[in-house]
């Protein structure tokens, strides 16, 4: 996933900057359970491993990784899917 134009506001923003693997994904898993199906969770992270971790998490969880942006702060948009 790369940058994608998403004009929908996230239901929640999760700031996990400064946390190392596996904490960003573990906190995102807990946060996404608390938002409605179809809603977006925005995650802000600084751990370089998060780029691979969130792609893997999306595949394993069934949620959609709508966008993944690299930079000083990594930004992920996950859409909660029904299980």
N, C-alpha and C. Protein backbone atom coordinates (compact mmCIF):
# COMPACT_ATOMS: atom_id res chain seq x y z
N UNK A 1 0.84 -1.18 0.00
CA UNK A 1 0.00 0.00 0.00
C UNK A 1 0.89 1.24 0.00
N UNK A 2 0.45 2.23 -0.68
CA UNK A 2 1.18 3.49 -0.74
C UNK A 2 0.22 4.62 -0.43
N UNK A 3 0.69 5.83 -0.65
CA UNK A 3 -0.18 6.97 -0.41
C UNK A 3 -1.43 6.85 -1.27
N UNK A 4 -2.55 7.14 -0.67
CA UNK A 4 -3.82 7.07 -1.39
C UNK A 4 -4.68 8.21 -0.88
N UNK A 5 -5.41 8.85 -1.77
CA UNK A 5 -6.29 9.95 -1.37
C UNK A 5 -7.47 9.39 -0.59
N UNK A 6 -7.51 9.70 0.68
CA UNK A 6 -8.63 9.27 1.53
C UNK A 6 -9.18 10.53 2.17
N UNK A 7 -10.43 10.81 1.88
CA UNK A 7 -11.03 12.04 2.36
C UNK A 7 -11.97 11.80 3.54
N UNK A 8 -12.00 10.59 4.01
CA UNK A 8 -12.86 10.22 5.14
C UNK A 8 -12.08 10.42 6.43
N UNK A 9 -12.69 11.07 7.40
CA UNK A 9 -12.04 11.28 8.68
C UNK A 9 -11.97 9.97 9.45
N UNK A 10 -10.84 9.71 10.10
CA UNK A 10 -10.74 8.48 10.90
C UNK A 10 -11.64 8.55 12.13
N UNK A 11 -12.16 7.41 12.54
CA UNK A 11 -12.97 7.34 13.75
C UNK A 11 -12.09 7.55 14.98
N UNK A 12 -10.80 7.16 14.86
CA UNK A 12 -9.87 7.29 15.98
C UNK A 12 -8.47 7.47 15.43
N UNK A 13 -7.66 8.25 16.14
CA UNK A 13 -6.24 8.40 15.81
C UNK A 13 -5.46 7.81 16.98
N UNK A 14 -4.57 6.87 16.65
CA UNK A 14 -3.76 6.20 17.66
C UNK A 14 -2.32 6.65 17.47
N UNK A 15 -1.76 7.29 18.48
CA UNK A 15 -0.38 7.77 18.43
C UNK A 15 0.51 6.80 19.19
N UNK A 16 1.30 6.03 18.45
CA UNK A 16 2.21 5.06 19.07
C UNK A 16 3.66 5.43 18.74
N UNK A 17 3.90 6.71 18.47
CA UNK A 17 5.26 7.16 18.20
C UNK A 17 6.14 6.88 19.41
N UNK A 18 7.34 6.38 19.13
CA UNK A 18 8.29 6.07 20.20
C UNK A 18 8.20 4.64 20.70
N UNK A 19 7.15 3.92 20.35
CA UNK A 19 7.01 2.52 20.78
C UNK A 19 7.64 1.60 19.74
N UNK A 20 8.22 0.51 20.22
CA UNK A 20 8.88 -0.46 19.36
C UNK A 20 8.02 -1.72 19.21
N UNK A 21 8.28 -2.44 18.16
CA UNK A 21 7.61 -3.70 17.84
C UNK A 21 7.66 -4.62 19.08
N UNK A 22 6.56 -5.22 19.42
CA UNK A 22 5.29 -5.36 18.74
C UNK A 22 4.21 -4.41 19.24
N UNK A 23 4.56 -3.46 20.11
CA UNK A 23 3.56 -2.60 20.75
C UNK A 23 2.67 -1.82 19.79
N UNK A 24 3.18 -1.21 18.71
CA UNK A 24 2.27 -0.47 17.83
C UNK A 24 1.13 -1.33 17.28
N UNK A 25 1.43 -2.54 16.84
CA UNK A 25 0.39 -3.41 16.30
C UNK A 25 -0.54 -3.90 17.41
N UNK A 26 0.00 -4.23 18.56
CA UNK A 26 -0.85 -4.69 19.67
C UNK A 26 -1.83 -3.60 20.10
N UNK A 27 -1.37 -2.37 20.17
CA UNK A 27 -2.26 -1.27 20.55
C UNK A 27 -3.28 -0.98 19.45
N UNK A 28 -2.86 -1.12 18.19
CA UNK A 28 -3.79 -0.92 17.07
C UNK A 28 -4.87 -2.00 17.07
N UNK A 29 -4.50 -3.23 17.37
CA UNK A 29 -5.48 -4.32 17.42
C UNK A 29 -6.56 -4.04 18.46
N UNK A 30 -6.13 -3.53 19.60
CA UNK A 30 -7.09 -3.19 20.66
C UNK A 30 -7.96 -2.00 20.24
N UNK A 31 -7.35 -0.99 19.62
CA UNK A 31 -8.08 0.21 19.22
C UNK A 31 -9.09 -0.08 18.12
N UNK A 32 -8.72 -0.91 17.15
CA UNK A 32 -9.62 -1.16 16.02
C UNK A 32 -10.86 -1.93 16.48
N UNK A 33 -10.73 -2.70 17.55
CA UNK A 33 -11.88 -3.43 18.09
C UNK A 33 -12.93 -2.47 18.66
N UNK A 34 -12.51 -1.25 18.97
CA UNK A 34 -13.42 -0.28 19.58
C UNK A 34 -14.07 0.69 18.62
N UNK A 35 -13.83 0.51 17.32
CA UNK A 35 -14.47 1.40 16.34
C UNK A 35 -15.47 0.60 15.52
N UNK A 36 -16.43 1.28 14.90
CA UNK A 36 -17.45 0.56 14.12
C UNK A 36 -16.87 -0.11 12.87
N UNK A 37 -17.50 -1.18 12.45
CA UNK A 37 -17.14 -1.84 11.20
C UNK A 37 -17.28 -0.82 10.06
N UNK A 38 -16.28 -0.75 9.21
CA UNK A 38 -16.27 0.19 8.10
C UNK A 38 -15.56 1.49 8.40
N UNK A 39 -15.28 1.75 9.67
CA UNK A 39 -14.62 3.00 10.06
C UNK A 39 -13.11 2.87 9.91
N UNK A 40 -12.43 4.03 9.92
CA UNK A 40 -10.98 4.07 9.77
C UNK A 40 -10.30 4.31 11.11
N UNK A 41 -9.16 3.64 11.28
CA UNK A 41 -8.25 3.90 12.39
C UNK A 41 -6.97 4.45 11.77
N UNK A 42 -6.55 5.62 12.24
CA UNK A 42 -5.28 6.19 11.80
C UNK A 42 -4.24 5.90 12.87
N UNK A 43 -3.10 5.39 12.45
CA UNK A 43 -2.02 5.06 13.39
C UNK A 43 -0.79 5.86 12.99
N UNK A 44 -0.19 6.53 13.97
CA UNK A 44 1.05 7.28 13.78
C UNK A 44 2.15 6.54 14.52
N UNK A 45 3.22 6.17 13.83
CA UNK A 45 4.29 5.37 14.43
C UNK A 45 5.65 5.87 13.96
N UNK A 46 6.70 5.50 14.70
CA UNK A 46 8.06 5.86 14.31
C UNK A 46 8.96 4.64 14.18
N UNK A 47 8.52 3.47 14.58
CA UNK A 47 9.33 2.26 14.48
C UNK A 47 9.41 1.84 13.02
N UNK A 48 10.61 1.78 12.44
CA UNK A 48 10.74 1.40 11.03
C UNK A 48 10.12 0.03 10.73
N UNK A 49 10.10 -0.87 11.68
CA UNK A 49 9.53 -2.20 11.47
C UNK A 49 8.01 -2.15 11.30
N UNK A 50 7.39 -1.04 11.69
CA UNK A 50 5.94 -0.93 11.63
C UNK A 50 5.42 -1.05 10.20
N UNK A 51 6.19 -0.62 9.22
CA UNK A 51 5.73 -0.69 7.83
C UNK A 51 5.44 -2.15 7.45
N UNK A 52 6.33 -3.03 7.76
CA UNK A 52 6.12 -4.45 7.49
C UNK A 52 5.08 -5.05 8.44
N UNK A 53 5.15 -4.66 9.70
CA UNK A 53 4.24 -5.20 10.72
C UNK A 53 2.78 -4.91 10.39
N UNK A 54 2.46 -3.70 9.97
CA UNK A 54 1.07 -3.35 9.70
C UNK A 54 0.54 -4.01 8.43
N UNK A 55 1.41 -4.21 7.45
CA UNK A 55 0.99 -4.96 6.26
C UNK A 55 0.65 -6.40 6.64
N UNK A 56 1.50 -6.98 7.43
CA UNK A 56 1.27 -8.36 7.88
C UNK A 56 0.01 -8.43 8.76
N UNK A 57 -0.16 -7.48 9.67
CA UNK A 57 -1.34 -7.47 10.54
C UNK A 57 -2.63 -7.38 9.71
N UNK A 58 -2.63 -6.52 8.70
CA UNK A 58 -3.84 -6.37 7.88
C UNK A 58 -4.18 -7.69 7.18
N UNK A 59 -3.19 -8.36 6.62
CA UNK A 59 -3.44 -9.65 5.96
C UNK A 59 -3.96 -10.68 6.94
N UNK A 60 -3.38 -10.74 8.12
CA UNK A 60 -3.75 -11.75 9.10
C UNK A 60 -5.09 -11.47 9.77
N UNK A 61 -5.42 -10.21 9.97
CA UNK A 61 -6.63 -9.84 10.71
C UNK A 61 -7.87 -9.74 9.83
N UNK A 62 -7.65 -9.54 8.53
CA UNK A 62 -8.78 -9.34 7.62
C UNK A 62 -9.21 -7.90 7.50
N UNK A 63 -8.57 -6.99 8.24
CA UNK A 63 -8.85 -5.56 8.09
C UNK A 63 -8.10 -5.05 6.86
N UNK A 64 -8.54 -3.91 6.33
CA UNK A 64 -7.94 -3.37 5.11
C UNK A 64 -6.94 -2.27 5.45
N UNK A 65 -5.72 -2.41 4.94
CA UNK A 65 -4.73 -1.35 5.05
C UNK A 65 -4.98 -0.41 3.87
N UNK A 66 -5.66 0.68 4.14
CA UNK A 66 -6.08 1.63 3.10
C UNK A 66 -4.89 2.45 2.61
N UNK A 67 -4.02 2.84 3.52
CA UNK A 67 -2.85 3.65 3.16
C UNK A 67 -1.73 3.41 4.15
N UNK A 68 -0.51 3.50 3.63
CA UNK A 68 0.69 3.41 4.45
C UNK A 68 1.66 4.45 3.91
N UNK A 69 1.97 5.45 4.71
CA UNK A 69 2.82 6.55 4.27
C UNK A 69 4.12 6.54 5.06
N UNK A 70 5.24 6.59 4.32
CA UNK A 70 6.54 6.64 4.95
C UNK A 70 6.97 8.08 5.13
N UNK A 71 7.82 8.30 6.10
CA UNK A 71 8.35 9.62 6.40
C UNK A 71 8.95 9.57 7.79
N UNK A 72 9.22 10.73 8.35
CA UNK A 72 9.74 10.77 9.72
C UNK A 72 8.76 10.10 10.67
N UNK A 73 7.47 10.34 10.41
CA UNK A 73 6.40 9.65 11.14
C UNK A 73 5.67 8.78 10.12
N UNK A 74 5.53 7.51 10.43
CA UNK A 74 4.79 6.59 9.56
C UNK A 74 3.31 6.75 9.86
N UNK A 75 2.49 6.73 8.82
CA UNK A 75 1.04 6.92 8.98
C UNK A 75 0.34 5.77 8.29
N UNK A 76 -0.53 5.11 9.04
CA UNK A 76 -1.30 3.99 8.51
C UNK A 76 -2.78 4.27 8.68
N UNK A 77 -3.55 3.91 7.67
CA UNK A 77 -5.00 3.97 7.76
C UNK A 77 -5.52 2.55 7.59
N UNK A 78 -6.20 2.08 8.62
CA UNK A 78 -6.78 0.74 8.61
C UNK A 78 -8.30 0.87 8.64
N UNK A 79 -8.96 0.11 7.77
CA UNK A 79 -10.42 0.07 7.79
C UNK A 79 -10.85 -1.21 8.49
N UNK A 80 -11.70 -1.04 9.50
CA UNK A 80 -12.20 -2.21 10.22
C UNK A 80 -13.20 -2.97 9.35
N UNK A 81 -12.94 -4.23 9.18
CA UNK A 81 -13.82 -5.10 8.41
C UNK A 81 -14.56 -6.03 9.36
N UNK A 82 -15.73 -6.48 8.95
CA UNK A 82 -16.49 -7.46 9.73
C UNK A 82 -15.76 -8.79 9.66
N UNK A 83 -15.80 -9.52 10.74
CA UNK A 83 -15.12 -10.82 10.75
C UNK A 83 -16.12 -11.93 10.63
